[in-house]
PDB file of N, CA and C in Angstrom:
ATOM      1  N   MET A   1      18.653  -6.759  -6.762  1.00  0.00           N
ATOM      2  CA  MET A   1      18.545  -7.141  -8.146  1.00  0.00           C
ATOM      3  C   MET A   1      17.066  -7.350  -8.479  1.00  0.00           C
ATOM      4  N   ARG A   2      16.684  -6.884  -9.618  1.00  0.00           N
ATOM      5  CA  ARG A   2      15.288  -7.015 -10.064  1.00  0.00           C
ATOM      6  C   ARG A   2      15.076  -8.360 -10.738  1.00  0.00           C
ATOM      7  N   LEU A   3      13.880  -8.905 -10.561  1.00  0.00           N
ATOM      8  CA  LEU A   3      13.474 -10.135 -11.230  1.00  0.00           C
ATOM      9  C   LEU A   3      12.249  -9.848 -12.087  1.00  0.00           C
ATOM     10  N   ARG A   4      12.218 -10.447 -13.281  1.00  0.00           N
ATOM     11  CA  ARG A   4      11.048 -10.342 -14.154  1.00  0.00           C
ATOM     12  C   ARG A   4      10.497 -11.744 -14.357  1.00  0.00           C
ATOM     13  N   LYS A   5       9.227 -11.946 -13.996  1.00  0.00           N
ATOM     14  CA  LYS A   5       8.630 -13.265 -14.120  1.00  0.00           C
ATOM     15  C   LYS A   5       8.486 -13.635 -15.590  1.00  0.00           C
ATOM     16  N   LEU A   6       9.052 -14.785 -15.968  1.00  0.00           N
ATOM     17  CA  LEU A   6       8.919 -15.297 -17.329  1.00  0.00           C
ATOM     18  C   LEU A   6       7.712 -16.217 -17.438  1.00  0.00           C
ATOM     19  N   CYS A   7       7.557 -17.092 -16.452  1.00  0.00           N
ATOM     20  CA  CYS A   7       6.538 -18.123 -16.565  1.00  0.00           C
ATOM     21  C   CYS A   7       6.139 -18.593 -15.176  1.00  0.00           C
ATOM     22  N   LYS A   8       4.845 -18.871 -15.002  1.00  0.00           N
ATOM     23  CA  LYS A   8       4.318 -19.377 -13.746  1.00  0.00           C
ATOM     24  C   LYS A   8       3.399 -20.547 -14.045  1.00  0.00           C
ATOM     25  N   ASP A   9       3.402 -21.532 -13.180  1.00  0.00           N
ATOM     26  CA  ASP A   9       2.532 -22.693 -13.336  1.00  0.00           C
ATOM     27  C   ASP A   9       1.078 -22.237 -13.267  1.00  0.00           C
ATOM     28  N   PRO A  10       0.311 -22.394 -14.343  1.00  0.00           N
ATOM     29  CA  PRO A  10      -1.081 -21.949 -14.325  1.00  0.00           C
ATOM     30  C   PRO A  10      -1.955 -22.773 -13.386  1.00  0.00           C
ATOM     31  N   GLU A  11      -1.464 -23.940 -12.957  1.00  0.00           N
ATOM     32  CA  GLU A  11      -2.236 -24.793 -12.051  1.00  0.00           C
ATOM     33  C   GLU A  11      -1.918 -24.533 -10.584  1.00  0.00           C
ATOM     34  N   SER A  12      -0.933 -23.673 -10.299  1.00  0.00           N
ATOM     35  CA  SER A  12      -0.565 -23.425  -8.906  1.00  0.00           C
ATOM     36  C   SER A  12      -1.399 -22.289  -8.328  1.00  0.00           C
ATOM     37  N   ASN A  13      -1.290 -22.135  -7.029  1.00  0.00           N
ATOM     38  CA  ASN A  13      -1.970 -21.066  -6.304  1.00  0.00           C
ATOM     39  C   ASN A  13      -1.673 -19.732  -6.996  1.00  0.00           C
ATOM     40  N   PRO A  14      -2.668 -18.872  -7.175  1.00  0.00           N
ATOM     41  CA  PRO A  14      -2.432 -17.587  -7.863  1.00  0.00           C
ATOM     42  C   PRO A  14      -1.323 -16.735  -7.246  1.00  0.00           C
ATOM     43  N   THR A  15      -1.076 -16.909  -5.964  1.00  0.00           N
ATOM     44  CA  THR A  15      -0.009 -16.123  -5.328  1.00  0.00           C
ATOM     45  C   THR A  15       1.192 -16.985  -4.983  1.00  0.00           C
ATOM     46  N   GLY A  16       1.227 -18.235  -5.435  1.00  0.00           N
ATOM     47  CA  GLY A  16       2.271 -19.171  -5.013  1.00  0.00           C
ATOM     48  C   GLY A  16       3.256 -19.533  -6.088  1.00  0.00           C
ATOM     49  N   CYS A  17       3.832 -20.691  -5.887  1.00  0.00           N
ATOM     50  CA  CYS A  17       4.996 -21.097  -6.666  1.00  0.00           C
ATOM     51  C   CYS A  17       4.668 -21.767  -7.964  1.00  0.00           C
ATOM     52  N   GLN A  18       5.502 -22.263  -8.414  1.00  0.00           N
ATOM     53  CA  GLN A  18       6.340 -22.703  -9.485  1.00  0.00           C
ATOM     54  C   GLN A  18       6.416 -21.638 -10.559  1.00  0.00           C
ATOM     55  N   SER A  19       7.508 -20.930 -10.496  1.00  0.00           N
ATOM     56  CA  SER A  19       7.747 -19.830 -11.428  1.00  0.00           C
ATOM     57  C   SER A  19       9.210 -19.784 -11.824  1.00  0.00           C
ATOM     58  N   VAL A  20       9.467 -19.199 -12.999  1.00  0.00           N
ATOM     59  CA  VAL A  20      10.826 -18.943 -13.459  1.00  0.00           C
ATOM     60  C   VAL A  20      10.920 -17.447 -13.750  1.00  0.00           C
ATOM     61  N   TYR A  21      12.001 -16.832 -13.286  1.00  0.00           N
ATOM     62  CA  TYR A  21      12.223 -15.400 -13.430  1.00  0.00           C
ATOM     63  C   TYR A  21      13.530 -15.141 -14.167  1.00  0.00           C
ATOM     64  N   LEU A  22      13.610 -14.010 -14.839  1.00  0.00           N
ATOM     65  CA  LEU A  22      14.862 -13.533 -15.423  1.00  0.00           C
ATOM     66  C   LEU A  22      15.403 -12.456 -14.497  1.00  0.00           C
ATOM     67  N   ALA A  23      16.635 -12.640 -14.052  1.00  0.00           N
ATOM     68  CA  ALA A  23      17.264 -11.695 -13.131  1.00  0.00           C
ATOM     69  C   ALA A  23      17.946 -10.579 -13.900  1.00  0.00           C
ATOM     70  N   GLY A  24      18.148  -9.459 -13.230  1.00  0.00           N
ATOM     71  CA  GLY A  24      18.783  -8.300 -13.842  1.00  0.00           C
ATOM     72  C   GLY A  24      20.182  -8.577 -14.368  1.00  0.00           C
ATOM     73  N   ASN A  25      20.847  -9.597 -13.826  1.00  0.00           N
ATOM     74  CA  ASN A  25      22.203  -9.918 -14.276  1.00  0.00           C
ATOM     75  C   ASN A  25      22.211 -10.956 -15.400  1.00  0.00           C
ATOM     76  N   GLY A  26      21.019 -11.287 -15.931  1.00  0.00           N
ATOM     77  CA  GLY A  26      20.929 -12.224 -17.037  1.00  0.00           C
ATOM     78  C   GLY A  26      20.759 -13.677 -16.621  1.00  0.00           C
ATOM     79  N   MET A  27      20.874 -13.965 -15.335  1.00  0.00           N
ATOM     80  CA  MET A  27      20.673 -15.333 -14.854  1.00  0.00           C
ATOM     81  C   MET A  27      19.177 -15.580 -14.653  1.00  0.00           C
ATOM     82  N   MET A  28      18.803 -16.827 -14.446  1.00  0.00           N
ATOM     83  CA  MET A  28      17.415 -17.163 -14.172  1.00  0.00           C
ATOM     84  C   MET A  28      17.279 -17.614 -12.724  1.00  0.00           C
ATOM     85  N   ALA A  29      16.141 -17.307 -12.136  1.00  0.00           N
ATOM     86  CA  ALA A  29      15.812 -17.733 -10.780  1.00  0.00           C
ATOM     87  C   ALA A  29      14.584 -18.622 -10.861  1.00  0.00           C
ATOM     88  N   VAL A  30      14.567 -19.668 -10.049  1.00  0.00           N
ATOM     89  CA  VAL A  30      13.468 -20.625 -10.046  1.00  0.00           C
ATOM     90  C   VAL A  30      12.829 -20.640  -8.666  1.00  0.00           C
ATOM     91  N   GLN A  31      11.508 -20.546  -8.659  1.00  0.00           N
ATOM     92  CA  GLN A  31      10.733 -20.641  -7.424  1.00  0.00           C
ATOM     93  C   GLN A  31       9.981 -21.962  -7.476  1.00  0.00           C
ATOM     94  N   GLY A  32      10.175 -22.790  -6.473  1.00  0.00           N
ATOM     95  CA  GLY A  32       9.511 -24.084  -6.450  1.00  0.00           C
ATOM     96  C   GLY A  32       9.392 -24.612  -5.043  1.00  0.00           C
ATOM     97  N   LEU A  33       9.020 -25.867  -4.959  1.00  0.00           N
ATOM     98  CA  LEU A  33       8.862 -26.515  -3.670  1.00  0.00           C
ATOM     99  C   LEU A  33      10.225 -26.924  -3.121  1.00  0.00           C
ATOM    100  N   GLU A  34      10.487 -26.583  -1.848  1.00  0.00           N
ATOM    101  CA  GLU A  34      11.748 -26.975  -1.236  1.00  0.00           C
ATOM    102  C   GLU A  34      11.840 -28.491  -1.167  1.00  0.00           C
ATOM    103  N   MET A  35      13.030 -29.004  -1.417  1.00  0.00           N
ATOM    104  CA  MET A  35      13.258 -30.446  -1.318  1.00  0.00           C
ATOM    105  C   MET A  35      13.403 -30.858   0.134  1.00  0.00           C
ATOM    106  N   ASP A  36      12.981 -32.080   0.416  1.00  0.00           N
ATOM    107  CA  ASP A  36      13.256 -32.613   1.750  1.00  0.00           C
ATOM    108  C   ASP A  36      14.737 -33.007   1.794  1.00  0.00           C
ATOM    109  N   ALA A  37      15.264 -33.224   2.981  1.00  0.00           N
ATOM    110  CA  ALA A  37      16.695 -33.491   3.156  1.00  0.00           C
ATOM    111  C   ALA A  37      17.149 -34.736   2.404  1.00  0.00           C
ATOM    112  N   ASP A  38      16.331 -35.787   2.376  1.00  0.00           N
ATOM    113  CA  ASP A  38      16.720 -37.012   1.681  1.00  0.00           C
ATOM    114  C   ASP A  38      16.841 -36.787   0.175  1.00  0.00           C
ATOM    115  N   THR A  39      15.928 -36.021  -0.406  1.00  0.00           N
ATOM    116  CA  THR A  39      15.994 -35.723  -1.837  1.00  0.00           C
ATOM    117  C   THR A  39      17.192 -34.836  -2.132  1.00  0.00           C
ATOM    118  N   PHE A  40      17.394 -33.808  -1.305  1.00  0.00           N
ATOM    119  CA  PHE A  40      18.510 -32.884  -1.491  1.00  0.00           C
ATOM    120  C   PHE A  40      19.841 -33.615  -1.428  1.00  0.00           C
ATOM    121  N   ALA A  41      19.928 -34.656  -0.593  1.00  0.00           N
ATOM    122  CA  ALA A  41      21.170 -35.422  -0.445  1.00  0.00           C
ATOM    123  C   ALA A  41      21.581 -36.112  -1.743  1.00  0.00           C
ATOM    124  N   ASN A  42      20.653 -36.290  -2.673  1.00  0.00           N
ATOM    125  CA  ASN A  42      20.964 -36.918  -3.956  1.00  0.00           C
ATOM    126  C   ASN A  42      21.622 -35.967  -4.951  1.00  0.00           C
ATOM    127  N   MET A  43      21.631 -34.674  -4.669  1.00  0.00           N
ATOM    128  CA  MET A  43      22.260 -33.709  -5.577  1.00  0.00           C
ATOM    129  C   MET A  43      23.780 -33.785  -5.409  1.00  0.00           C
ATOM    130  N   GLU A  44      24.501 -33.606  -6.506  1.00  0.00           N
ATOM    131  CA  GLU A  44      25.959 -33.716  -6.483  1.00  0.00           C
ATOM    132  C   GLU A  44      26.627 -32.349  -6.451  1.00  0.00           C
ATOM    133  N   ASN A  45      27.742 -32.283  -5.769  1.00  0.00           N
ATOM    134  CA  ASN A  45      28.626 -31.109  -5.767  1.00  0.00           C
ATOM    135  C   ASN A  45      27.903 -29.825  -5.367  1.00  0.00           C
ATOM    136  N   VAL A  46      27.056 -29.892  -4.356  1.00  0.00           N
ATOM    137  CA  VAL A  46      26.345 -28.703  -3.887  1.00  0.00           C
ATOM    138  C   VAL A  46      27.324 -27.848  -3.074  1.00  0.00           C
ATOM    139  N   LEU A  47      27.479 -26.610  -3.491  1.00  0.00           N
ATOM    140  CA  LEU A  47      28.392 -25.689  -2.818  1.00  0.00           C
ATOM    141  C   LEU A  47      27.667 -24.943  -1.703  1.00  0.00           C
ATOM    142  N   PRO A  48      28.406 -24.388  -0.748  1.00  0.00           N
ATOM    143  CA  PRO A  48      27.781 -23.591   0.302  1.00  0.00           C
ATOM    144  C   PRO A  48      26.940 -22.468  -0.302  1.00  0.00           C
ATOM    145  N   GLY A  49      25.755 -22.290   0.208  1.00  0.00           N
ATOM    146  CA  GLY A  49      24.851 -21.248  -0.285  1.00  0.00           C
ATOM    147  C   GLY A  49      23.936 -21.715  -1.395  1.00  0.00           C
ATOM    148  N   GLU A  50      24.157 -22.903  -1.956  1.00  0.00           N
ATOM    149  CA  GLU A  50      23.287 -23.425  -3.003  1.00  0.00           C
ATOM    150  C   GLU A  50      22.159 -24.237  -2.390  1.00  0.00           C
ATOM    151  N   GLY A  51      21.055 -24.310  -3.096  1.00  0.00           N
ATOM    152  CA  GLY A  51      19.907 -25.083  -2.654  1.00  0.00           C
ATOM    153  C   GLY A  51      19.215 -25.683  -3.855  1.00  0.00           C
ATOM    154  N   GLY A  52      18.192 -26.436  -3.601  1.00  0.00           N
ATOM    155  CA  GLY A  52      17.451 -27.043  -4.689  1.00  0.00           C
ATOM    156  C   GLY A  52      15.956 -26.943  -4.454  1.00  0.00           C
ATOM    157  N   VAL A  53      15.215 -26.797  -5.523  1.00  0.00           N
ATOM    158  CA  VAL A  53      13.758 -26.784  -5.467  1.00  0.00           C
ATOM    159  C   VAL A  53      13.227 -27.731  -6.536  1.00  0.00           C
ATOM    160  N   LEU A  54      11.986 -28.131  -6.390  1.00  0.00           N
ATOM    161  CA  LEU A  54      11.324 -28.984  -7.370  1.00  0.00           C
ATOM    162  C   LEU A  54      10.357 -28.146  -8.188  1.00  0.00           C
ATOM    163  N   ILE A  55      10.352 -28.382  -9.505  1.00  0.00           N
ATOM    164  CA  ILE A  55       9.493 -27.625 -10.404  1.00  0.00           C
ATOM    165  C   ILE A  55       9.115 -28.532 -11.578  1.00  0.00           C
ATOM    166  N   LYS A  56       7.923 -28.339 -12.109  1.00  0.00           N
ATOM    167  CA  LYS A  56       7.467 -29.144 -13.234  1.00  0.00           C
ATOM    168  C   LYS A  56       8.306 -28.848 -14.477  1.00  0.00           C
ATOM    169  N   PRO A  57       8.672 -29.882 -15.245  1.00  0.00           N
ATOM    170  CA  PRO A  57       9.443 -29.658 -16.468  1.00  0.00           C
ATOM    171  C   PRO A  57       8.730 -28.721 -17.444  1.00  0.00           C
ATOM    172  N   GLU A  58       7.412 -28.787 -17.507  1.00  0.00           N
ATOM    173  CA  GLU A  58       6.658 -27.944 -18.443  1.00  0.00           C
ATOM    174  C   GLU A  58       6.881 -26.453 -18.172  1.00  0.00           C
ATOM    175  N   ILE A  59       7.061 -26.092 -16.911  1.00  0.00           N
ATOM    176  CA  ILE A  59       7.276 -24.684 -16.556  1.00  0.00           C
ATOM    177  C   ILE A  59       8.655 -24.236 -17.054  1.00  0.00           C
ATOM    178  N   ILE A  60       9.647 -25.093 -16.903  1.00  0.00           N
ATOM    179  CA  ILE A  60      10.987 -24.766 -17.387  1.00  0.00           C
ATOM    180  C   ILE A  60      10.984 -24.627 -18.912  1.00  0.00           C
ATOM    181  N   LEU A  61      10.332 -25.559 -19.589  1.00  0.00           N
ATOM    182  CA  LEU A  61      10.282 -25.504 -21.053  1.00  0.00           C
ATOM    183  C   LEU A  61       9.548 -24.258 -21.557  1.00  0.00           C
ATOM    184  N   GLU A  62       8.446 -23.906 -20.903  1.00  0.00           N
ATOM    185  CA  GLU A  62       7.704 -22.701 -21.299  1.00  0.00           C
ATOM    186  C   GLU A  62       8.535 -21.448 -21.036  1.00  0.00           C
ATOM    187  N   ALA A  63       9.235 -21.413 -19.903  1.00  0.00           N
ATOM    188  CA  ALA A  63      10.099 -20.268 -19.600  1.00  0.00           C
ATOM    189  C   ALA A  63      11.198 -20.137 -20.646  1.00  0.00           C
ATOM    190  N   ALA A  64      11.784 -21.264 -21.070  1.00  0.00           N
ATOM    191  CA  ALA A  64      12.827 -21.228 -22.100  1.00  0.00           C
ATOM    192  C   ALA A  64      12.265 -20.712 -23.422  1.00  0.00           C
ATOM    193  N   ARG A  65      11.074 -21.151 -23.768  1.00  0.00           N
ATOM    194  CA  ARG A  65      10.439 -20.674 -25.008  1.00  0.00           C
ATOM    195  C   ARG A  65      10.214 -19.172 -24.947  1.00  0.00           C
ATOM    196  N   LEU A  66       9.674 -18.689 -23.837  1.00  0.00           N
ATOM    197  CA  LEU A  66       9.417 -17.252 -23.678  1.00  0.00           C
ATOM    198  C   LEU A  66      10.716 -16.456 -23.677  1.00  0.00           C
ATOM    199  N   TYR A  67      11.748 -17.007 -23.068  1.00  0.00           N
ATOM    200  CA  TYR A  67      13.050 -16.339 -23.050  1.00  0.00           C
ATOM    201  C   TYR A  67      13.591 -16.188 -24.468  1.00  0.00           C
ATOM    202  N   GLN A  68      13.462 -17.238 -25.263  1.00  0.00           N
ATOM    203  CA  GLN A  68      13.953 -17.184 -26.645  1.00  0.00           C
ATOM    204  C   GLN A  68      13.180 -16.173 -27.484  1.00  0.00           C
ATOM    205  N   GLU A  69      11.906 -15.989 -27.197  1.00  0.00           N
ATOM    206  CA  GLU A  69      11.089 -15.005 -27.923  1.00  0.00           C
ATOM    207  C   GLU A  69      11.516 -13.574 -27.634  1.00  0.00           C
ATOM    208  N   GLY A  70      12.112 -13.361 -26.455  1.00  0.00           N
ATOM    209  CA  GLY A  70      12.535 -12.022 -26.069  1.00  0.00           C
ATOM    210  C   GLY A  70      11.424 -11.263 -25.384  1.00  0.00           C
ATOM    211  N   PRO A  71      11.730 -10.030 -24.936  1.00  0.00           N
ATOM    212  CA  PRO A  71      10.738  -9.222 -24.207  1.00  0.00           C
ATOM    213  C   PRO A  71       9.496  -8.970 -25.045  1.00  0.00           C
ATOM    214  N   SER A  72       8.373  -9.000 -24.351  1.00  0.00           N
ATOM    215  CA  SER A  72       7.117  -8.735 -25.066  1.00  0.00           C
ATOM    216  C   SER A  72       6.702  -7.290 -24.947  1.00  0.00           C
TER     217      SER A  72
END
């Protein structure tokens, strides 16, 4: 499946994380910092194969804004 980058944290490493992508199936993918086990344990109803990452709220909000604008 192809991913198209919507938004990347301008303060992060130029080749690194915090990014939000639009997937070919219409879903979004988030790239962020892996949670430690204690933090992950606080998530509810995690199904097999699911995981969690940490990302700045500003990146999510900017990705949502860009998504609403549509393809450039």
